[in-house]
C-alpha cells in the first residue's frame, strides 16, 4: 500500500538482470504511461517514471533477461491511496 502520491515504480532483482519491458495497468485495465530506459547493462534496481497515480489498485508487469540469456517475467500489485 502506497500512502503518498507516487510518480514511479521500482523493480528490484537479487541477481543482475537486463530489464526489457515494464508496464503498469490500472484496476480497470487501462495502461499507465511508464517512462523507463530499456537496460543496456545488467543491474539489480530499475525505476520507471509515471504520471501521478490516482487512488486505486495497480499491477506491474516486467520482463527481464539474465546474464545467461534466460528470459524471466513477473507481476506484482500495489494500492495507491
PDB file of N, CA and C in Angstrom:
ATOM      1  N   UNK A   1       0.845  -1.160   0.000  1.00  0.00           N
ATOM      2  CA  UNK A   1       0.000   0.000   0.000  1.00  0.00           C
ATOM      3  C   UNK A   1       0.901   1.237   0.000  1.00  0.00           C
ATOM      4  N   UNK A   2       0.635   2.148  -0.912  1.00  0.00           N
ATOM      5  CA  UNK A   2       1.411   3.382  -1.031  1.00  0.00           C
ATOM      6  C   UNK A   2       0.524   4.523  -0.546  1.00  0.00           C
ATOM      7  N   UNK A   3       0.951   5.204   0.502  1.00  0.00           N
ATOM      8  CA  UNK A   3       0.127   6.247   1.104  1.00  0.00           C
ATOM      9  C   UNK A   3       0.358   7.621   0.470  1.00  0.00           C
ATOM     10  N   UNK A   4       1.575   7.920   0.074  1.00  0.00           N
ATOM     11  CA  UNK A   4       1.903   9.212  -0.532  1.00  0.00           C
ATOM     12  C   UNK A   4       1.763   9.118  -2.045  1.00  0.00           C
ATOM     13  N   UNK A   5       1.381  10.222  -2.703  1.00  0.00           N
ATOM     14  CA  UNK A   5       1.329  10.193  -4.176  1.00  0.00           C
ATOM     15  C   UNK A   5       2.692   9.785  -4.743  1.00  0.00           C
ATOM     16  N   UNK A   6       2.679   8.903  -5.710  1.00  0.00           N
ATOM     17  CA  UNK A   6       3.936   8.437  -6.293  1.00  0.00           C
ATOM     18  C   UNK A   6       3.975   8.740  -7.779  1.00  0.00           C
ATOM     19  N   UNK A   7       5.190   8.899  -8.288  1.00  0.00           N
ATOM     20  CA  UNK A   7       5.391   9.145  -9.713  1.00  0.00           C
ATOM     21  C   UNK A   7       6.376   8.137 -10.301  1.00  0.00           C
ATOM     22  N   UNK A   8       6.527   7.000  -9.634  1.00  0.00           N
ATOM     23  CA  UNK A   8       7.437   5.992 -10.176  1.00  0.00           C
ATOM     24  C   UNK A   8       7.106   4.604  -9.634  1.00  0.00           C
ATOM     25  N   UNK A   9       7.588   3.613 -10.356  1.00  0.00           N
ATOM     26  CA  UNK A   9       7.556   2.226  -9.891  1.00  0.00           C
ATOM     27  C   UNK A   9       8.990   1.719  -9.913  1.00  0.00           C
ATOM     28  N   UNK A  10       9.308   0.830  -9.000  1.00  0.00           N
ATOM     29  CA  UNK A  10      10.652   0.269  -8.914  1.00  0.00           C
ATOM     30  C   UNK A  10      10.583  -1.245  -9.004  1.00  0.00           C
ATOM     31  N   UNK A  11      11.586  -1.814  -9.660  1.00  0.00           N
ATOM     32  CA  UNK A  11      11.726  -3.265  -9.771  1.00  0.00           C
ATOM     33  C   UNK A  11      13.126  -3.601  -9.284  1.00  0.00           C
ATOM     34  N   UNK A  12      13.214  -4.528  -8.333  1.00  0.00           N
ATOM     35  CA  UNK A  12      14.494  -4.940  -7.767  1.00  0.00           C
ATOM     36  C   UNK A  12      14.678  -6.440  -7.949  1.00  0.00           C
ATOM     37  N   UNK A  13      15.896  -6.829  -8.302  1.00  0.00           N
ATOM     38  CA  UNK A  13      16.234  -8.237  -8.506  1.00  0.00           C
ATOM     39  C   UNK A  13      17.375  -8.628  -7.572  1.00  0.00           C
ATOM     40  N   UNK A  14      17.424  -9.903  -7.190  1.00  0.00           N
ATOM     41  CA  UNK A  14      18.520 -10.414  -6.369  1.00  0.00           C
ATOM     42  C   UNK A  14      19.801 -10.571  -7.177  1.00  0.00           C
ATOM     43  N   UNK A  15      19.649 -10.901  -8.457  1.00  0.00           N
ATOM     44  CA  UNK A  15      20.795 -11.104  -9.350  1.00  0.00           C
ATOM     45  C   UNK A  15      20.727 -10.071 -10.469  1.00  0.00           C
ATOM     46  N   UNK A  16      21.867  -9.702 -11.062  1.00  0.00           N
ATOM     47  CA  UNK A  16      21.838  -8.739 -12.170  1.00  0.00           C
ATOM     48  C   UNK A  16      21.004  -9.246 -13.346  1.00  0.00           C
ATOM     49  N   UNK A  17      20.153  -8.373 -13.847  1.00  0.00           N
ATOM     50  CA  UNK A  17      19.268  -8.668 -14.973  1.00  0.00           C
ATOM     51  C   UNK A  17      19.258  -7.455 -15.892  1.00  0.00           C
ATOM     52  N   UNK A  18      18.807  -7.655 -17.131  1.00  0.00           N
ATOM     53  CA  UNK A  18      18.555  -6.551 -18.054  1.00  0.00           C
ATOM     54  C   UNK A  18      17.046  -6.411 -18.191  1.00  0.00           C
ATOM     55  N   UNK A  19      16.494  -5.308 -17.716  1.00  0.00           N
ATOM     56  CA  UNK A  19      15.059  -5.060 -17.825  1.00  0.00           C
ATOM     57  C   UNK A  19      14.740  -4.712 -19.268  1.00  0.00           C
ATOM     58  N   UNK A  20      13.796  -5.443 -19.873  1.00  0.00           N
ATOM     59  CA  UNK A  20      13.458  -5.172 -21.273  1.00  0.00           C
ATOM     60  C   UNK A  20      12.028  -4.682 -21.455  1.00  0.00           C
ATOM     61  N   UNK A  21      11.177  -4.841 -20.424  1.00  0.00           N
ATOM     62  CA  UNK A  21       9.807  -4.353 -20.553  1.00  0.00           C
ATOM     63  C   UNK A  21       9.251  -4.067 -19.167  1.00  0.00           C
ATOM     64  N   UNK A  22       8.530  -2.957 -19.050  1.00  0.00           N
ATOM     65  CA  UNK A  22       7.912  -2.561 -17.787  1.00  0.00           C
ATOM     66  C   UNK A  22       6.573  -1.906 -18.102  1.00  0.00           C
ATOM     67  N   UNK A  23       5.487  -2.501 -17.597  1.00  0.00           N
ATOM     68  CA  UNK A  23       4.137  -1.980 -17.838  1.00  0.00           C
ATOM     69  C   UNK A  23       3.408  -1.840 -16.511  1.00  0.00           C
ATOM     70  N   UNK A  24       2.572  -0.817 -16.423  1.00  0.00           N
ATOM     71  CA  UNK A  24       1.699  -0.624 -15.266  1.00  0.00           C
ATOM     72  C   UNK A  24       0.271  -0.563 -15.791  1.00  0.00           C
ATOM     73  N   UNK A  25      -0.608  -1.347 -15.178  1.00  0.00           N
ATOM     74  CA  UNK A  25      -2.008  -1.425 -15.593  1.00  0.00           C
ATOM     75  C   UNK A  25      -2.893  -1.064 -14.402  1.00  0.00           C
ATOM     76  N   UNK A  26      -3.872  -0.183 -14.635  1.00  0.00           N
ATOM     77  CA  UNK A  26      -4.828   0.187 -13.596  1.00  0.00           C
ATOM     78  C   UNK A  26      -5.861  -0.903 -13.385  1.00  0.00           C
ATOM     79  N   UNK A  27      -6.637  -0.782 -12.312  1.00  0.00           N
ATOM     80  CA  UNK A  27      -7.645  -1.796 -11.965  1.00  0.00           C
ATOM     81  C   UNK A  27      -8.678  -1.993 -13.063  1.00  0.00           C
ATOM     82  N   UNK A  28      -8.931  -0.942 -13.850  1.00  0.00           N
ATOM     83  CA  UNK A  28      -9.917  -1.049 -14.933  1.00  0.00           C
ATOM     84  C   UNK A  28      -9.312  -1.567 -16.232  1.00  0.00           C
ATOM     85  N   UNK A  29      -8.020  -1.953 -16.182  1.00  0.00           N
ATOM     86  CA  UNK A  29      -7.350  -2.491 -17.365  1.00  0.00           C
ATOM     87  C   UNK A  29      -6.677  -1.450 -18.234  1.00  0.00           C
ATOM     88  N   UNK A  30      -6.747  -0.185 -17.823  1.00  0.00           N
ATOM     89  CA  UNK A  30      -6.135   0.894 -18.597  1.00  0.00           C
ATOM     90  C   UNK A  30      -4.633   0.946 -18.342  1.00  0.00           C
ATOM     91  N   UNK A  31      -3.816   0.928 -19.408  1.00  0.00           N
ATOM     92  CA  UNK A  31      -2.372   1.064 -19.225  1.00  0.00           C
ATOM     93  C   UNK A  31      -2.016   2.464 -18.722  1.00  0.00           C
ATOM     94  N   UNK A  32      -0.993   2.530 -17.888  1.00  0.00           N
ATOM     95  CA  UNK A  32      -0.448   3.789 -17.387  1.00  0.00           C
ATOM     96  C   UNK A  32       0.859   4.038 -18.131  1.00  0.00           C
ATOM     97  N   UNK A  33       1.072   5.262 -18.580  1.00  0.00           N
ATOM     98  CA  UNK A  33       2.327   5.598 -19.267  1.00  0.00           C
ATOM     99  C   UNK A  33       3.497   5.417 -18.300  1.00  0.00           C
ATOM    100  N   UNK A  34       4.509   4.671 -18.734  1.00  0.00           N
ATOM    101  CA  UNK A  34       5.711   4.454 -17.926  1.00  0.00           C
ATOM    102  C   UNK A  34       6.914   4.851 -18.766  1.00  0.00           C
ATOM    103  N   UNK A  35       7.715   5.767 -18.243  1.00  0.00           N
ATOM    104  CA  UNK A  35       8.928   6.208 -18.919  1.00  0.00           C
ATOM    105  C   UNK A  35      10.118   5.505 -18.263  1.00  0.00           C
ATOM    106  N   UNK A  36      10.729   4.590 -18.991  1.00  0.00           N
ATOM    107  CA  UNK A  36      11.895   3.872 -18.471  1.00  0.00           C
ATOM    108  C   UNK A  36      12.836   3.596 -19.636  1.00  0.00           C
ATOM    109  N   UNK A  37      14.101   3.387 -19.304  1.00  0.00           N
ATOM    110  CA  UNK A  37      15.075   3.020 -20.328  1.00  0.00           C
ATOM    111  C   UNK A  37      15.258   1.516 -20.318  1.00  0.00           C
ATOM    112  N   UNK A  38      15.151   0.934 -21.496  1.00  0.00           N
ATOM    113  CA  UNK A  38      15.447  -0.492 -21.624  1.00  0.00           C
ATOM    114  C   UNK A  38      16.912  -0.684 -21.248  1.00  0.00           C
ATOM    115  N   UNK A  39      17.188  -1.617 -20.374  1.00  0.00           N
ATOM    116  CA  UNK A  39      18.530  -1.785 -19.819  1.00  0.00           C
ATOM    117  C   UNK A  39      19.546  -2.189 -20.883  1.00  0.00           C
ATOM    118  N   UNK A  40      20.652  -1.462 -20.913  1.00  0.00           N
ATOM    119  CA  UNK A  40      21.783  -1.833 -21.767  1.00  0.00           C
ATOM    120  C   UNK A  40      22.769  -2.685 -20.981  1.00  0.00           C
ATOM    121  N   UNK A  41      22.786  -2.455 -19.678  1.00  0.00           N
ATOM    122  CA  UNK A  41      23.668  -3.188 -18.774  1.00  0.00           C
ATOM    123  C   UNK A  41      22.813  -3.915 -17.738  1.00  0.00           C
ATOM    124  N   UNK A  42      23.310  -5.039 -17.263  1.00  0.00           N
ATOM    125  CA  UNK A  42      22.605  -5.768 -16.209  1.00  0.00           C
ATOM    126  C   UNK A  42      22.683  -4.979 -14.908  1.00  0.00           C
ATOM    127  N   UNK A  43      21.615  -5.020 -14.150  1.00  0.00           N
ATOM    128  CA  UNK A  43      21.561  -4.335 -12.864  1.00  0.00           C
ATOM    129  C   UNK A  43      20.565  -5.026 -11.952  1.00  0.00           C
ATOM    130  N   UNK A  44      20.475  -4.539 -10.729  1.00  0.00           N
ATOM    131  CA  UNK A  44      19.543  -5.123  -9.772  1.00  0.00           C
ATOM    132  C   UNK A  44      18.418  -4.168  -9.392  1.00  0.00           C
ATOM    133  N   UNK A  45      18.490  -2.904  -9.818  1.00  0.00           N
ATOM    134  CA  UNK A  45      17.477  -1.905  -9.457  1.00  0.00           C
ATOM    135  C   UNK A  45      17.105  -1.085 -10.686  1.00  0.00           C
ATOM    136  N   UNK A  46      15.801  -1.023 -10.969  1.00  0.00           N
ATOM    137  CA  UNK A  46      15.305  -0.246 -12.104  1.00  0.00           C
ATOM    138  C   UNK A  46      14.119   0.588 -11.650  1.00  0.00           C
ATOM    139  N   UNK A  47      13.972   1.753 -12.254  1.00  0.00           N
ATOM    140  CA  UNK A  47      12.900   2.678 -11.891  1.00  0.00           C
ATOM    141  C   UNK A  47      12.230   3.193 -13.153  1.00  0.00           C
ATOM    142  N   UNK A  48      10.903   3.190 -13.163  1.00  0.00           N
ATOM    143  CA  UNK A  48      10.129   3.749 -14.263  1.00  0.00           C
ATOM    144  C   UNK A  48       9.292   4.907 -13.752  1.00  0.00           C
ATOM    145  N   UNK A  49       9.311   6.020 -14.454  1.00  0.00           N
ATOM    146  CA  UNK A  49       8.548   7.202 -14.061  1.00  0.00           C
ATOM    147  C   UNK A  49       7.128   7.103 -14.613  1.00  0.00           C
ATOM    148  N   UNK A  50       6.159   7.536 -13.811  1.00  0.00           N
ATOM    149  CA  UNK A  50       4.747   7.519 -14.196  1.00  0.00           C
ATOM    150  C   UNK A  50       4.152   8.896 -13.932  1.00  0.00           C
ATOM    151  N   UNK A  51       2.976   9.171 -14.504  1.00  0.00           N
ATOM    152  CA  UNK A  51       2.251  10.357 -14.042  1.00  0.00           C
ATOM    153  C   UNK A  51       1.819  10.115 -12.590  1.00  0.00           C
ATOM    154  N   UNK A  52       1.392  11.145 -11.887  1.00  0.00           N
ATOM    155  CA  UNK A  52       0.880  10.948 -10.530  1.00  0.00           C
ATOM    156  C   UNK A  52      -0.292   9.972 -10.612  1.00  0.00           C
ATOM    157  N   UNK A  53      -0.222   8.916  -9.834  1.00  0.00           N
ATOM    158  CA  UNK A  53      -1.238   7.864  -9.893  1.00  0.00           C
ATOM    159  C   UNK A  53      -2.433   8.203  -9.009  1.00  0.00           C
ATOM    160  N   UNK A  54      -3.615   8.022  -9.555  1.00  0.00           N
ATOM    161  CA  UNK A  54      -4.848   8.219  -8.798  1.00  0.00           C
ATOM    162  C   UNK A  54      -5.019   7.064  -7.818  1.00  0.00           C
ATOM    163  N   UNK A  55      -5.780   7.265  -6.743  1.00  0.00           N
ATOM    164  CA  UNK A  55      -6.026   6.161  -5.817  1.00  0.00           C
ATOM    165  C   UNK A  55      -6.633   4.959  -6.551  1.00  0.00           C
ATOM    166  N   UNK A  56      -6.166   3.785  -6.192  1.00  0.00           N
ATOM    167  CA  UNK A  56      -6.673   2.564  -6.807  1.00  0.00           C
ATOM    168  C   UNK A  56      -5.638   1.464  -6.774  1.00  0.00           C
ATOM    169  N   UNK A  57      -5.989   0.330  -7.372  1.00  0.00           N
ATOM    170  CA  UNK A  57      -5.103  -0.828  -7.456  1.00  0.00           C
ATOM    171  C   UNK A  57      -4.399  -0.838  -8.804  1.00  0.00           C
ATOM    172  N   UNK A  58      -3.129  -1.207  -8.788  1.00  0.00           N
ATOM    173  CA  UNK A  58      -2.318  -1.251  -9.999  1.00  0.00           C
ATOM    174  C   UNK A  58      -1.561  -2.573 -10.050  1.00  0.00           C
ATOM    175  N   UNK A  59      -1.286  -3.029 -11.264  1.00  0.00           N
ATOM    176  CA  UNK A  59      -0.478  -4.225 -11.480  1.00  0.00           C
ATOM    177  C   UNK A  59       0.713  -3.844 -12.344  1.00  0.00           C
ATOM    178  N   UNK A  60       1.892  -4.280 -11.923  1.00  0.00           N
ATOM    179  CA  UNK A  60       3.128  -4.039 -12.667  1.00  0.00           C
ATOM    180  C   UNK A  60       3.537  -5.348 -13.329  1.00  0.00           C
ATOM    181  N   UNK A  61       3.786  -5.297 -14.638  1.00  0.00           N
ATOM    182  CA  UNK A  61       4.279  -6.447 -15.400  1.00  0.00           C
ATOM    183  C   UNK A  61       5.698  -6.117 -15.853  1.00  0.00           C
ATOM    184  N   UNK A  62       6.633  -7.021 -15.623  1.00  0.00           N
ATOM    185  CA  UNK A  62       8.009  -6.796 -16.053  1.00  0.00           C
ATOM    186  C   UNK A  62       8.536  -8.010 -16.807  1.00  0.00           C
ATOM    187  N   UNK A  63       9.506  -7.746 -17.684  1.00  0.00           N
ATOM    188  CA  UNK A  63      10.257  -8.799 -18.375  1.00  0.00           C
ATOM    189  C   UNK A  63      11.726  -8.417 -18.302  1.00  0.00           C
ATOM    190  N   UNK A  64      12.556  -9.418 -18.066  1.00  0.00           N
ATOM    191  CA  UNK A  64      13.991  -9.184 -17.963  1.00  0.00           C
ATOM    192  C   UNK A  64      14.724 -10.415 -18.479  1.00  0.00           C
ATOM    193  N   UNK A  65      15.979 -10.217 -18.811  1.00  0.00           N
ATOM    194  CA  UNK A  65      16.811 -11.323 -19.274  1.00  0.00           C
ATOM    195  C   UNK A  65      18.056 -11.396 -18.387  1.00  0.00           C
ATOM    196  N   UNK A  66      18.405 -12.621 -17.991  1.00  0.00           N
ATOM    197  CA  UNK A  66      19.573 -12.832 -17.153  1.00  0.00           C
ATOM    198  C   UNK A  66      20.851 -12.857 -17.969  1.00  0.00           C
ATOM    199  N   UNK A  67      21.972 -12.856 -17.281  1.00  0.00           N
ATOM    200  CA  UNK A  67      23.279 -12.903 -17.948  1.00  0.00           C
ATOM    201  C   UNK A  67      23.435 -14.140 -18.819  1.00  0.00           C
ATOM    202  N   UNK A  68      22.712 -15.224 -18.478  1.00  0.00           N
ATOM    203  CA  UNK A  68      22.808 -16.465 -19.248  1.00  0.00           C
ATOM    204  C   UNK A  68      21.844 -16.490 -20.432  1.00  0.00           C
ATOM    205  N   UNK A  69      21.095 -15.382 -20.647  1.00  0.00           N
ATOM    206  CA  UNK A  69      20.158 -15.307 -21.755  1.00  0.00           C
ATOM    207  C   UNK A  69      18.765 -15.812 -21.426  1.00  0.00           C
ATOM    208  N   UNK A  70      18.574 -16.280 -20.200  1.00  0.00           N
ATOM    209  CA  UNK A  70      17.273 -16.810 -19.775  1.00  0.00           C
ATOM    210  C   UNK A  70      16.283 -15.665 -19.565  1.00  0.00           C
ATOM    211  N   UNK A  71      15.128 -15.742 -20.249  1.00  0.00           N
ATOM    212  CA  UNK A  71      14.078 -14.728 -20.131  1.00  0.00           C
ATOM    213  C   UNK A  71      13.228 -15.015 -18.901  1.00  0.00           C
ATOM    214  N   UNK A  72      12.933 -13.973 -18.136  1.00  0.00           N
ATOM    215  CA  UNK A  72      12.079 -14.098 -16.959  1.00  0.00           C
ATOM    216  C   UNK A  72      11.022 -13.006 -17.018  1.00  0.00           C
ATOM    217  N   UNK A  73       9.887 -13.274 -16.396  1.00  0.00           N
ATOM    218  CA  UNK A  73       8.864 -12.240 -16.294  1.00  0.00           C
ATOM    219  C   UNK A  73       8.110 -12.420 -14.992  1.00  0.00           C
ATOM    220  N   UNK A  74       7.397 -11.393 -14.615  1.00  0.00           N
ATOM    221  CA  UNK A  74       6.640 -11.467 -13.380  1.00  0.00           C
ATOM    222  C   UNK A  74       5.688 -10.296 -13.245  1.00  0.00           C
ATOM    223  N   UNK A  75       4.882 -10.369 -12.222  1.00  0.00           N
ATOM    224  CA  UNK A  75       3.935  -9.301 -11.924  1.00  0.00           C
ATOM    225  C   UNK A  75       3.905  -9.078 -10.423  1.00  0.00           C
ATOM    226  N   UNK A  76       3.546  -7.881 -10.049  1.00  0.00           N
ATOM    227  CA  UNK A  76       3.239  -7.579  -8.657  1.00  0.00           C
ATOM    228  C   UNK A  76       2.235  -6.441  -8.637  1.00  0.00           C
ATOM    229  N   UNK A  77       1.511  -6.346  -7.565  1.00  0.00           N
ATOM    230  CA  UNK A  77       0.489  -5.319  -7.461  1.00  0.00           C
ATOM    231  C   UNK A  77       0.749  -4.387  -6.299  1.00  0.00           C
ATOM    232  N   UNK A  78       0.117  -3.231  -6.355  1.00  0.00           N
ATOM    233  CA  UNK A  78       0.154  -2.298  -5.237  1.00  0.00           C
ATOM    234  C   UNK A  78      -1.108  -1.453  -5.258  1.00  0.00           C
ATOM    235  N   UNK A  79      -1.402  -0.862  -4.111  1.00  0.00           N
ATOM    236  CA  UNK A  79      -2.571   0.001  -3.975  1.00  0.00           C
ATOM    237  C   UNK A  79      -2.092   1.417  -3.676  1.00  0.00           C
ATOM    238  N   UNK A  80      -2.556   2.363  -4.454  1.00  0.00           N
ATOM    239  CA  UNK A  80      -2.251   3.780  -4.224  1.00  0.00           C
ATOM    240  C   UNK A  80      -3.412   4.395  -3.448  1.00  0.00           C
ATOM    241  N   UNK A  81      -3.116   5.013  -2.307  1.00  0.00           N
ATOM    242  CA  UNK A  81      -4.158   5.704  -1.522  1.00  0.00           C
ATOM    243  C   UNK A  81      -4.122   7.177  -1.790  1.00  0.00           C
TER     244      UNK A  81
END
